[in-house]
Amino acid sequence: DAELDKADVIFLCSGHGKSKSYVHSLPDSFSGKIIDLSNDFRLAA
């Protein structure tokens, strides 16, 4: 599991199509930065 309470930033490397659902499942308490290496958020739409 991700130890989110330890992180100031998380890098998402799980592959295309998985990042968006992961981001949407993050707890409201997580205030760290997110850098996604998939294509899930690259397009304006």
ModelCIF file with pLDDT and N, C-alpha, C, O atoms, coordinates in Angstrom:
data_MODEL
#
_entry.id   MODEL 
#
_entity.id                         1 
_entity.type                       polymer 
_entity.pdbx_number_of_molecules   1 
#
_entity_poly.entity_id                      1 
_entity_poly.type                           'polypeptide(L)' 
_entity_poly.nstd_linkage                   no 
_entity_poly.nstd_monomer                   no 
_entity_poly.pdbx_seq_one_letter_code       DAELDKADVIFLCSGHGKSKSYVHSLPDSFSGKIIDLSNDFRLAA 
_entity_poly.pdbx_seq_one_letter_code_can   DAELDKADVIFLCSGHGKSKSYVHSLPDSFSGKIIDLSNDFRLAA 
_entity_poly.pdbx_strand_id                 A 
#
loop_
_entity_poly_seq.entity_id 
_entity_poly_seq.num 
_entity_poly_seq.mon_id 
_entity_poly_seq.hetero 
1 1  ASP n 
1 2  ALA n 
1 3  GLU n 
1 4  LEU n 
1 5  ASP n 
1 6  LYS n 
1 7  ALA n 
1 8  ASP n 
1 9  VAL n 
1 10 ILE n 
1 11 PHE n 
1 12 LEU n 
1 13 CYS n 
1 14 SER n 
1 15 GLY n 
1 16 HIS n 
1 17 GLY n 
1 18 LYS n 
1 19 SER n 
1 20 LYS n 
1 21 SER n 
1 22 TYR n 
1 23 VAL n 
1 24 HIS n 
1 25 SER n 
1 26 LEU n 
1 27 PRO n 
1 28 ASP n 
1 29 SER n 
1 30 PHE n 
1 31 SER n 
1 32 GLY n 
1 33 LYS n 
1 34 ILE n 
1 35 ILE n 
1 36 ASP n 
1 37 LEU n 
1 38 SER n 
1 39 ASN n 
1 40 ASP n 
1 41 PHE n 
1 42 ARG n 
1 43 LEU n 
1 44 ALA n 
1 45 ALA n 
#
_struct_asym.id          A 
_struct_asym.entity_id   1 
#
loop_
_ma_qa_metric.id 
_ma_qa_metric.mode 
_ma_qa_metric.name 
_ma_qa_metric.software_group_id 
_ma_qa_metric.type 
1 global pLDDT . pLDDT 
2 local  pLDDT . pLDDT 
#
_ma_qa_metric_global.metric_id      1 
_ma_qa_metric_global.metric_value   94.69 
_ma_qa_metric_global.model_id       1 
_ma_qa_metric_global.ordinal_id     1 
#
loop_
_ma_qa_metric_local.label_asym_id 
_ma_qa_metric_local.label_comp_id 
_ma_qa_metric_local.label_seq_id 
_ma_qa_metric_local.metric_id 
_ma_qa_metric_local.metric_value 
_ma_qa_metric_local.model_id 
_ma_qa_metric_local.ordinal_id 
A ASP 1  2 93.00 1 1  
A ALA 2  2 94.00 1 2  
A GLU 3  2 93.00 1 3  
A LEU 4  2 96.00 1 4  
A ASP 5  2 94.00 1 5  
A LYS 6  2 95.00 1 6  
A ALA 7  2 97.00 1 7  
A ASP 8  2 98.00 1 8  
A VAL 9  2 98.00 1 9  
A ILE 10 2 98.00 1 10 
A PHE 11 2 98.00 1 11 
A LEU 12 2 98.00 1 12 
A CYS 13 2 96.00 1 13 
A SER 14 2 91.00 1 14 
A GLY 15 2 79.00 1 15 
A HIS 16 2 80.00 1 16 
A GLY 17 2 86.00 1 17 
A LYS 18 2 91.00 1 18 
A SER 19 2 96.00 1 19 
A LYS 20 2 96.00 1 20 
A SER 21 2 95.00 1 21 
A TYR 22 2 95.00 1 22 
A VAL 23 2 96.00 1 23 
A HIS 24 2 96.00 1 24 
A SER 25 2 95.00 1 25 
A LEU 26 2 96.00 1 26 
A PRO 27 2 95.00 1 27 
A ASP 28 2 92.00 1 28 
A SER 29 2 92.00 1 29 
A PHE 30 2 95.00 1 30 
A SER 31 2 94.00 1 31 
A GLY 32 2 97.00 1 32 
A LYS 33 2 98.00 1 33 
A ILE 34 2 98.00 1 34 
A ILE 35 2 98.00 1 35 
A ASP 36 2 98.00 1 36 
A LEU 37 2 97.00 1 37 
A SER 38 2 96.00 1 38 
A ASN 39 2 95.00 1 39 
A ASP 40 2 97.00 1 40 
A PHE 41 2 97.00 1 41 
A ARG 42 2 97.00 1 42 
A LEU 43 2 96.00 1 43 
A ALA 44 2 95.00 1 44 
A ALA 45 2 94.00 1 45 
#
loop_
_atom_site.group_PDB 
_atom_site.id 
_atom_site.type_symbol 
_atom_site.label_atom_id 
_atom_site.label_alt_id 
_atom_site.label_comp_id 
_atom_site.label_asym_id 
_atom_site.label_entity_id 
_atom_site.label_seq_id 
_atom_site.pdbx_PDB_ins_code 
_atom_site.Cartn_x 
_atom_site.Cartn_y 
_atom_site.Cartn_z 
_atom_site.occupancy 
_atom_site.B_iso_or_equiv 
_atom_site.pdbx_formal_charge 
_atom_site.auth_seq_id 
_atom_site.auth_comp_id 
_atom_site.auth_asym_id 
_atom_site.auth_atom_id 
_atom_site.pdbx_PDB_model_num 
ATOM 1   N N  . ASP A 1 1  ? 0.835   -1.198 0.000   1.00 93.00 ? 1  ASP A N  1 
ATOM 2   C CA . ASP A 1 1  ? 0.000   0.000  0.000   1.00 93.00 ? 1  ASP A CA 1 
ATOM 3   C C  . ASP A 1 1  ? 0.872   1.251  0.000   1.00 93.00 ? 1  ASP A C  1 
ATOM 4   O O  . ASP A 1 1  ? 2.028   1.227  0.423   1.00 93.00 ? 1  ASP A O  1 
ATOM 5   N N  . ALA A 1 2  ? 0.294   2.330  -0.481  1.00 94.00 ? 2  ALA A N  1 
ATOM 6   C CA . ALA A 1 2  ? 0.994   3.611  -0.463  1.00 94.00 ? 2  ALA A CA 1 
ATOM 7   C C  . ALA A 1 2  ? 0.944   4.206  0.932   1.00 94.00 ? 2  ALA A C  1 
ATOM 8   O O  . ALA A 1 2  ? -0.129  4.336  1.520   1.00 94.00 ? 2  ALA A O  1 
ATOM 9   N N  . GLU A 1 3  ? 2.086   4.562  1.451   1.00 93.00 ? 3  GLU A N  1 
ATOM 10  C CA . GLU A 1 3  ? 2.160   5.179  2.782   1.00 93.00 ? 3  GLU A CA 1 
ATOM 11  C C  . GLU A 1 3  ? 2.072   6.696  2.607   1.00 93.00 ? 3  GLU A C  1 
ATOM 12  O O  . GLU A 1 3  ? 3.057   7.421  2.744   1.00 93.00 ? 3  GLU A O  1 
ATOM 13  N N  . LEU A 1 4  ? 0.864   7.141  2.301   1.00 96.00 ? 4  LEU A N  1 
ATOM 14  C CA . LEU A 1 4  ? 0.654   8.524  1.881   1.00 96.00 ? 4  LEU A CA 1 
ATOM 15  C C  . LEU A 1 4  ? 1.020   9.540  2.957   1.00 96.00 ? 4  LEU A C  1 
ATOM 16  O O  . LEU A 1 4  ? 1.434   10.656 2.644   1.00 96.00 ? 4  LEU A O  1 
ATOM 17  N N  . ASP A 1 5  ? 0.870   9.159  4.216   1.00 94.00 ? 5  ASP A N  1 
ATOM 18  C CA . ASP A 1 5  ? 1.175   10.101 5.282   1.00 94.00 ? 5  ASP A CA 1 
ATOM 19  C C  . ASP A 1 5  ? 2.655   10.441 5.355   1.00 94.00 ? 5  ASP A C  1 
ATOM 20  O O  . ASP A 1 5  ? 3.042   11.410 6.008   1.00 94.00 ? 5  ASP A O  1 
ATOM 21  N N  . LYS A 1 6  ? 3.485   9.644  4.684   1.00 95.00 ? 6  LYS A N  1 
ATOM 22  C CA . LYS A 1 6  ? 4.926   9.883  4.683   1.00 95.00 ? 6  LYS A CA 1 
ATOM 23  C C  . LYS A 1 6  ? 5.385   10.765 3.523   1.00 95.00 ? 6  LYS A C  1 
ATOM 24  O O  . LYS A 1 6  ? 6.531   11.213 3.514   1.00 95.00 ? 6  LYS A O  1 
ATOM 25  N N  . ALA A 1 7  ? 4.508   11.024 2.539   1.00 97.00 ? 7  ALA A N  1 
ATOM 26  C CA . ALA A 1 7  ? 4.954   11.592 1.263   1.00 97.00 ? 7  ALA A CA 1 
ATOM 27  C C  . ALA A 1 7  ? 4.547   13.043 1.077   1.00 97.00 ? 7  ALA A C  1 
ATOM 28  O O  . ALA A 1 7  ? 3.425   13.441 1.391   1.00 97.00 ? 7  ALA A O  1 
ATOM 29  N N  . ASP A 1 8  ? 5.495   13.828 0.554   1.00 98.00 ? 8  ASP A N  1 
ATOM 30  C CA . ASP A 1 8  ? 5.208   15.191 0.100   1.00 98.00 ? 8  ASP A CA 1 
ATOM 31  C C  . ASP A 1 8  ? 4.798   15.207 -1.369  1.00 98.00 ? 8  ASP A C  1 
ATOM 32  O O  . ASP A 1 8  ? 4.126   16.133 -1.823  1.00 98.00 ? 8  ASP A O  1 
ATOM 33  N N  . VAL A 1 9  ? 5.201   14.188 -2.103  1.00 98.00 ? 9  VAL A N  1 
ATOM 34  C CA . VAL A 1 9  ? 4.873   14.069 -3.521  1.00 98.00 ? 9  VAL A CA 1 
ATOM 35  C C  . VAL A 1 9  ? 4.791   12.599 -3.873  1.00 98.00 ? 9  VAL A C  1 
ATOM 36  O O  . VAL A 1 9  ? 5.573   11.790 -3.374  1.00 98.00 ? 9  VAL A O  1 
ATOM 37  N N  . ILE A 1 10 ? 3.846   12.253 -4.729  1.00 98.00 ? 10 ILE A N  1 
ATOM 38  C CA . ILE A 1 10 ? 3.775   10.886 -5.231  1.00 98.00 ? 10 ILE A CA 1 
ATOM 39  C C  . ILE A 1 10 ? 3.890   10.911 -6.753  1.00 98.00 ? 10 ILE A C  1 
ATOM 40  O O  . ILE A 1 10 ? 3.329   11.775 -7.428  1.00 98.00 ? 10 ILE A O  1 
ATOM 41  N N  . PHE A 1 11 ? 4.629   9.943  -7.264  1.00 98.00 ? 11 PHE A N  1 
ATOM 42  C CA . PHE A 1 11 ? 4.773   9.738  -8.697  1.00 98.00 ? 11 PHE A CA 1 
ATOM 43  C C  . PHE A 1 11 ? 3.916   8.536  -9.089  1.00 98.00 ? 11 PHE A C  1 
ATOM 44  O O  . PHE A 1 11 ? 4.050   7.457  -8.513  1.00 98.00 ? 11 PHE A O  1 
ATOM 45  N N  . LEU A 1 12 ? 3.042   8.726  -10.064 1.00 98.00 ? 12 LEU A N  1 
ATOM 46  C CA . LEU A 1 12 ? 2.160   7.650  -10.506 1.00 98.00 ? 12 LEU A CA 1 
ATOM 47  C C  . LEU A 1 12 ? 2.766   6.982  -11.729 1.00 98.00 ? 12 LEU A C  1 
ATOM 48  O O  . LEU A 1 12 ? 2.878   7.596  -12.790 1.00 98.00 ? 12 LEU A O  1 
ATOM 49  N N  . CYS A 1 13 ? 3.158   5.714  -11.577 1.00 96.00 ? 13 CYS A N  1 
ATOM 50  C CA . CYS A 1 13 ? 3.840   4.967  -12.640 1.00 96.00 ? 13 CYS A CA 1 
ATOM 51  C C  . CYS A 1 13 ? 3.109   3.677  -12.985 1.00 96.00 ? 13 CYS A C  1 
ATOM 52  O O  . CYS A 1 13 ? 3.719   2.745  -13.510 1.00 96.00 ? 13 CYS A O  1 
ATOM 53  N N  . SER A 1 14 ? 1.818   3.610  -12.699 1.00 91.00 ? 14 SER A N  1 
ATOM 54  C CA . SER A 1 14 ? 1.082   2.352  -12.848 1.00 91.00 ? 14 SER A CA 1 
ATOM 55  C C  . SER A 1 14 ? 0.642   2.056  -14.269 1.00 91.00 ? 14 SER A C  1 
ATOM 56  O O  . SER A 1 14 ? 0.138   0.966  -14.541 1.00 91.00 ? 14 SER A O  1 
ATOM 57  N N  . GLY A 1 15 ? 0.817   2.987  -15.168 1.00 79.00 ? 15 GLY A N  1 
ATOM 58  C CA . GLY A 1 15 ? 0.429   2.716  -16.546 1.00 79.00 ? 15 GLY A CA 1 
ATOM 59  C C  . GLY A 1 15 ? -0.836  3.455  -16.929 1.00 79.00 ? 15 GLY A C  1 
ATOM 60  O O  . GLY A 1 15 ? -1.596  3.921  -16.079 1.00 79.00 ? 15 GLY A O  1 
ATOM 61  N N  . HIS A 1 16 ? -1.037  3.547  -18.225 1.00 80.00 ? 16 HIS A N  1 
ATOM 62  C CA . HIS A 1 16 ? -2.151  4.322  -18.756 1.00 80.00 ? 16 HIS A CA 1 
ATOM 63  C C  . HIS A 1 16 ? -3.496  3.703  -18.355 1.00 80.00 ? 16 HIS A C  1 
ATOM 64  O O  . HIS A 1 16 ? -3.672  2.485  -18.370 1.00 80.00 ? 16 HIS A O  1 
ATOM 65  N N  . GLY A 1 17 ? -4.428  4.579  -17.999 1.00 86.00 ? 17 GLY A N  1 
ATOM 66  C CA . GLY A 1 17 ? -5.761  4.141  -17.643 1.00 86.00 ? 17 GLY A CA 1 
ATOM 67  C C  . GLY A 1 17 ? -5.972  3.869  -16.174 1.00 86.00 ? 17 GLY A C  1 
ATOM 68  O O  . GLY A 1 17 ? -7.107  3.649  -15.752 1.00 86.00 ? 17 GLY A O  1 
ATOM 69  N N  . LYS A 1 18 ? -4.908  3.876  -15.374 1.00 91.00 ? 18 LYS A N  1 
ATOM 70  C CA . LYS A 1 18 ? -5.034  3.558  -13.953 1.00 91.00 ? 18 LYS A CA 1 
ATOM 71  C C  . LYS A 1 18 ? -4.916  4.787  -13.054 1.00 91.00 ? 18 LYS A C  1 
ATOM 72  O O  . LYS A 1 18 ? -5.409  4.780  -11.926 1.00 91.00 ? 18 LYS A O  1 
ATOM 73  N N  . SER A 1 19 ? -4.273  5.829  -13.542 1.00 96.00 ? 19 SER A N  1 
ATOM 74  C CA . SER A 1 19 ? -3.992  6.980  -12.690 1.00 96.00 ? 19 SER A CA 1 
ATOM 75  C C  . SER A 1 19 ? -5.251  7.733  -12.276 1.00 96.00 ? 19 SER A C  1 
ATOM 76  O O  . SER A 1 19 ? -5.383  8.149  -11.125 1.00 96.00 ? 19 SER A O  1 
ATOM 77  N N  . LYS A 1 20 ? -6.171  7.905  -13.217 1.00 96.00 ? 20 LYS A N  1 
ATOM 78  C CA . LYS A 1 20 ? -7.341  8.728  -12.915 1.00 96.00 ? 20 LYS A CA 1 
ATOM 79  C C  . LYS A 1 20 ? -8.155  8.113  -11.780 1.00 96.00 ? 20 LYS A C  1 
ATOM 80  O O  . LYS A 1 20 ? -8.560  8.819  -10.856 1.00 96.00 ? 20 LYS A O  1 
ATOM 81  N N  . SER A 1 21 ? -8.399  6.800  -11.841 1.00 95.00 ? 21 SER A N  1 
ATOM 82  C CA . SER A 1 21 ? -9.167  6.162  -10.778 1.00 95.00 ? 21 SER A CA 1 
ATOM 83  C C  . SER A 1 21 ? -8.408  6.209  -9.461  1.00 95.00 ? 21 SER A C  1 
ATOM 84  O O  . SER A 1 21 ? -9.015  6.330  -8.397  1.00 95.00 ? 21 SER A O  1 
ATOM 85  N N  . TYR A 1 22 ? -7.077  6.115  -9.526  1.00 95.00 ? 22 TYR A N  1 
ATOM 86  C CA . TYR A 1 22 ? -6.289  6.177  -8.302  1.00 95.00 ? 22 TYR A CA 1 
ATOM 87  C C  . TYR A 1 22 ? -6.391  7.566  -7.668  1.00 95.00 ? 22 TYR A C  1 
ATOM 88  O O  . TYR A 1 22 ? -6.603  7.688  -6.462  1.00 95.00 ? 22 TYR A O  1 
ATOM 89  N N  . VAL A 1 23 ? -6.241  8.597  -8.477  1.00 96.00 ? 23 VAL A N  1 
ATOM 90  C CA . VAL A 1 23 ? -6.332  9.966  -7.958  1.00 96.00 ? 23 VAL A CA 1 
ATOM 91  C C  . VAL A 1 23 ? -7.700  10.211 -7.335  1.00 96.00 ? 23 VAL A C  1 
ATOM 92  O O  . VAL A 1 23 ? -7.806  10.823 -6.272  1.00 96.00 ? 23 VAL A O  1 
ATOM 93  N N  . HIS A 1 24 ? -8.744  9.732  -8.002  1.00 96.00 ? 24 HIS A N  1 
ATOM 94  C CA . HIS A 1 24 ? -10.097 9.945  -7.480  1.00 96.00 ? 24 HIS A CA 1 
ATOM 95  C C  . HIS A 1 24 ? -10.346 9.179  -6.184  1.00 96.00 ? 24 HIS A C  1 
ATOM 96  O O  . HIS A 1 24 ? -11.260 9.518  -5.431  1.00 96.00 ? 24 HIS A O  1 
ATOM 97  N N  . SER A 1 25 ? -9.540  8.150  -5.917  1.00 95.00 ? 25 SER A N  1 
ATOM 98  C CA . SER A 1 25 ? -9.716  7.362  -4.695  1.00 95.00 ? 25 SER A CA 1 
ATOM 99  C C  . SER A 1 25 ? -8.871  7.870  -3.534  1.00 95.00 ? 25 SER A C  1 
ATOM 100 O O  . SER A 1 25 ? -8.978  7.352  -2.422  1.00 95.00 ? 25 SER A O  1 
ATOM 101 N N  . LEU A 1 26 ? -8.035  8.873  -3.774  1.00 96.00 ? 26 LEU A N  1 
ATOM 102 C CA . LEU A 1 26 ? -7.171  9.382  -2.701  1.00 96.00 ? 26 LEU A CA 1 
ATOM 103 C C  . LEU A 1 26 ? -8.005  10.011 -1.591  1.00 96.00 ? 26 LEU A C  1 
ATOM 104 O O  . LEU A 1 26 ? -9.009  10.667 -1.869  1.00 96.00 ? 26 LEU A O  1 
ATOM 105 N N  . PRO A 1 27 ? -7.602  9.818  -0.344  1.00 95.00 ? 27 PRO A N  1 
ATOM 106 C CA . PRO A 1 27 ? -8.356  10.429 0.763   1.00 95.00 ? 27 PRO A CA 1 
ATOM 107 C C  . PRO A 1 27 ? -8.224  11.952 0.742   1.00 95.00 ? 27 PRO A C  1 
ATOM 108 O O  . PRO A 1 27 ? -7.220  12.499 0.284   1.00 95.00 ? 27 PRO A O  1 
ATOM 109 N N  . ASP A 1 28 ? -9.250  12.613 1.242   1.00 92.00 ? 28 ASP A N  1 
ATOM 110 C CA . ASP A 1 28 ? -9.235  14.078 1.286   1.00 92.00 ? 28 ASP A CA 1 
ATOM 111 C C  . ASP A 1 28 ? -8.075  14.614 2.112   1.00 92.00 ? 28 ASP A C  1 
ATOM 112 O O  . ASP A 1 28 ? -7.640  15.751 1.930   1.00 92.00 ? 28 ASP A O  1 
ATOM 113 N N  . SER A 1 29 ? -7.583  13.783 3.017   1.00 92.00 ? 29 SER A N  1 
ATOM 114 C CA . SER A 1 29 ? -6.500  14.219 3.893   1.00 92.00 ? 29 SER A CA 1 
ATOM 115 C C  . SER A 1 29 ? -5.154  14.321 3.183   1.00 92.00 ? 29 SER A C  1 
ATOM 116 O O  . SER A 1 29 ? -4.220  14.930 3.706   1.00 92.00 ? 29 SER A O  1 
ATOM 117 N N  . PHE A 1 30 ? -5.050  13.725 1.991   1.00 95.00 ? 30 PHE A N  1 
ATOM 118 C CA . PHE A 1 30 ? -3.766  13.782 1.273   1.00 95.00 ? 30 PHE A CA 1 
ATOM 119 C C  . PHE A 1 30 ? -3.619  15.140 0.602   1.00 95.00 ? 30 PHE A C  1 
ATOM 120 O O  . PHE A 1 30 ? -4.428  15.516 -0.247  1.00 95.00 ? 30 PHE A O  1 
ATOM 121 N N  . SER A 1 31 ? -2.590  15.865 0.987   1.00 94.00 ? 31 SER A N  1 
ATOM 122 C CA . SER A 1 31 ? -2.365  17.214 0.446   1.00 94.00 ? 31 SER A CA 1 
ATOM 123 C C  . SER A 1 31 ? -1.059  17.313 -0.332  1.00 94.00 ? 31 SER A C  1 
ATOM 124 O O  . SER A 1 31 ? -0.620  18.411 -0.675  1.00 94.00 ? 31 SER A O  1 
ATOM 125 N N  . GLY A 1 32 ? -0.437  16.171 -0.610  1.00 97.00 ? 32 GLY A N  1 
ATOM 126 C CA . GLY A 1 32 ? 0.835   16.182 -1.314  1.00 97.00 ? 32 GLY A CA 1 
ATOM 127 C C  . GLY A 1 32 ? 0.690   16.491 -2.794  1.00 97.00 ? 32 GLY A C  1 
ATOM 128 O O  . GLY A 1 32 ? -0.415  16.513 -3.337  1.00 97.00 ? 32 GLY A O  1 
ATOM 129 N N  . LYS A 1 33 ? 1.820   16.728 -3.432  1.00 98.00 ? 33 LYS A N  1 
ATOM 130 C CA . LYS A 1 33 ? 1.850   16.957 -4.876  1.00 98.00 ? 33 LYS A CA 1 
ATOM 131 C C  . LYS A 1 33 ? 1.709   15.614 -5.601  1.00 98.00 ? 33 LYS A C  1 
ATOM 132 O O  . LYS A 1 33 ? 2.025   14.560 -5.049  1.00 98.00 ? 33 LYS A O  1 
ATOM 133 N N  . ILE A 1 34 ? 1.230   15.674 -6.843  1.00 98.00 ? 34 ILE A N  1 
ATOM 134 C CA . ILE A 1 34 ? 1.073   14.468 -7.663  1.00 98.00 ? 34 ILE A CA 1 
ATOM 135 C C  . ILE A 1 34 ? 1.711   14.719 -9.023  1.00 98.00 ? 34 ILE A C  1 
ATOM 136 O O  . ILE A 1 34 ? 1.441   15.729 -9.673  1.00 98.00 ? 34 ILE A O  1 
ATOM 137 N N  . ILE A 1 35 ? 2.560   13.786 -9.444  1.00 98.00 ? 35 ILE A N  1 
ATOM 138 C CA . ILE A 1 35 ? 3.129   13.828 -10.791 1.00 98.00 ? 35 ILE A CA 1 
ATOM 139 C C  . ILE A 1 35 ? 2.779   12.518 -11.468 1.00 98.00 ? 35 ILE A C  1 
ATOM 140 O O  . ILE A 1 35 ? 3.245   11.454 -11.060 1.00 98.00 ? 35 ILE A O  1 
ATOM 141 N N  . ASP A 1 36 ? 1.954   12.598 -12.504 1.00 98.00 ? 36 ASP A N  1 
ATOM 142 C CA . ASP A 1 36 ? 1.445   11.409 -13.193 1.00 98.00 ? 36 ASP A CA 1 
ATOM 143 C C  . ASP A 1 36 ? 2.235   11.171 -14.465 1.00 98.00 ? 36 ASP A C  1 
ATOM 144 O O  . ASP A 1 36 ? 2.323   12.054 -15.318 1.00 98.00 ? 36 ASP A O  1 
ATOM 145 N N  . LEU A 1 37 ? 2.812   9.978  -14.600 1.00 97.00 ? 37 LEU A N  1 
ATOM 146 C CA . LEU A 1 37 ? 3.605   9.652  -15.779 1.00 97.00 ? 37 LEU A CA 1 
ATOM 147 C C  . LEU A 1 37 ? 2.798   8.922  -16.843 1.00 97.00 ? 37 LEU A C  1 
ATOM 148 O O  . LEU A 1 37 ? 3.355   8.533  -17.870 1.00 97.00 ? 37 LEU A O  1 
ATOM 149 N N  . SER A 1 38 ? 1.500   8.726  -16.626 1.00 96.00 ? 38 SER A N  1 
ATOM 150 C CA . SER A 1 38 ? 0.653   8.113  -17.644 1.00 96.00 ? 38 SER A CA 1 
ATOM 151 C C  . SER A 1 38 ? 0.048   9.203  -18.526 1.00 96.00 ? 38 SER A C  1 
ATOM 152 O O  . SER A 1 38 ? 0.371   10.383 -18.390 1.00 96.00 ? 38 SER A O  1 
ATOM 153 N N  . ASN A 1 39 ? -0.841  8.780  -19.438 1.00 95.00 ? 39 ASN A N  1 
ATOM 154 C CA . ASN A 1 39 ? -1.479  9.773  -20.319 1.00 95.00 ? 39 ASN A CA 1 
ATOM 155 C C  . ASN A 1 39 ? -2.866  10.191 -19.835 1.00 95.00 ? 39 ASN A C  1 
ATOM 156 O O  . ASN A 1 39 ? -3.610  10.830 -20.577 1.00 95.00 ? 39 ASN A O  1 
ATOM 157 N N  . ASP A 1 40 ? -3.223  9.834  -18.591 1.00 97.00 ? 40 ASP A N  1 
ATOM 158 C CA . ASP A 1 40 ? -4.599  10.021 -18.137 1.00 97.00 ? 40 ASP A CA 1 
ATOM 159 C C  . ASP A 1 40 ? -5.032  11.484 -18.024 1.00 97.00 ? 40 ASP A C  1 
ATOM 160 O O  . ASP A 1 40 ? -6.215  11.789 -18.174 1.00 97.00 ? 40 ASP A O  1 
ATOM 161 N N  . PHE A 1 41 ? -4.086  12.394 -17.762 1.00 97.00 ? 41 PHE A N  1 
ATOM 162 C CA . PHE A 1 41 ? -4.453  13.797 -17.540 1.00 97.00 ? 41 PHE A CA 1 
ATOM 163 C C  . PHE A 1 41 ? -3.794  14.747 -18.536 1.00 97.00 ? 41 PHE A C  1 
ATOM 164 O O  . PHE A 1 41 ? -3.816  15.961 -18.331 1.00 97.00 ? 41 PHE A O  1 
ATOM 165 N N  . ARG A 1 42 ? -3.214  14.226 -19.597 1.00 97.00 ? 42 ARG A N  1 
ATOM 166 C CA . ARG A 1 42 ? -2.441  15.084 -20.506 1.00 97.00 ? 42 ARG A CA 1 
ATOM 167 C C  . ARG A 1 42 ? -3.306  15.952 -21.397 1.00 97.00 ? 42 ARG A C  1 
ATOM 168 O O  . ARG A 1 42 ? -2.921  17.076 -21.718 1.00 97.00 ? 42 ARG A O  1 
ATOM 169 N N  . LEU A 1 43 ? -4.448  15.465 -21.799 1.00 96.00 ? 43 LEU A N  1 
ATOM 170 C CA . LEU A 1 43 ? -5.297  16.212 -22.720 1.00 96.00 ? 43 LEU A CA 1 
ATOM 171 C C  . LEU A 1 43 ? -6.214  17.152 -21.954 1.00 96.00 ? 43 LEU A C  1 
ATOM 172 O O  . LEU A 1 43 ? -6.625  16.855 -20.833 1.00 96.00 ? 43 LEU A O  1 
ATOM 173 N N  . ALA A 1 44 ? -6.530  18.278 -22.562 1.00 95.00 ? 44 ALA A N  1 
ATOM 174 C CA . ALA A 1 44 ? -7.324  19.302 -21.892 1.00 95.00 ? 44 ALA A CA 1 
ATOM 175 C C  . ALA A 1 44 ? -8.655  18.754 -21.397 1.00 95.00 ? 44 ALA A C  1 
ATOM 176 O O  . ALA A 1 44 ? -9.119  19.131 -20.321 1.00 95.00 ? 44 ALA A O  1 
ATOM 177 N N  . ALA A 1 45 ? -9.272  17.870 -22.172 1.00 94.00 ? 45 ALA A N  1 
ATOM 178 C CA . ALA A 1 45 ? -10.574 17.325 -21.793 1.00 94.00 ? 45 ALA A CA 1 
ATOM 179 C C  . ALA A 1 45 ? -10.492 16.456 -20.548 1.00 94.00 ? 45 ALA A C  1 
ATOM 180 O O  . ALA A 1 45 ? -11.507 15.922 -20.100 1.00 94.00 ? 45 ALA A O  1 
#
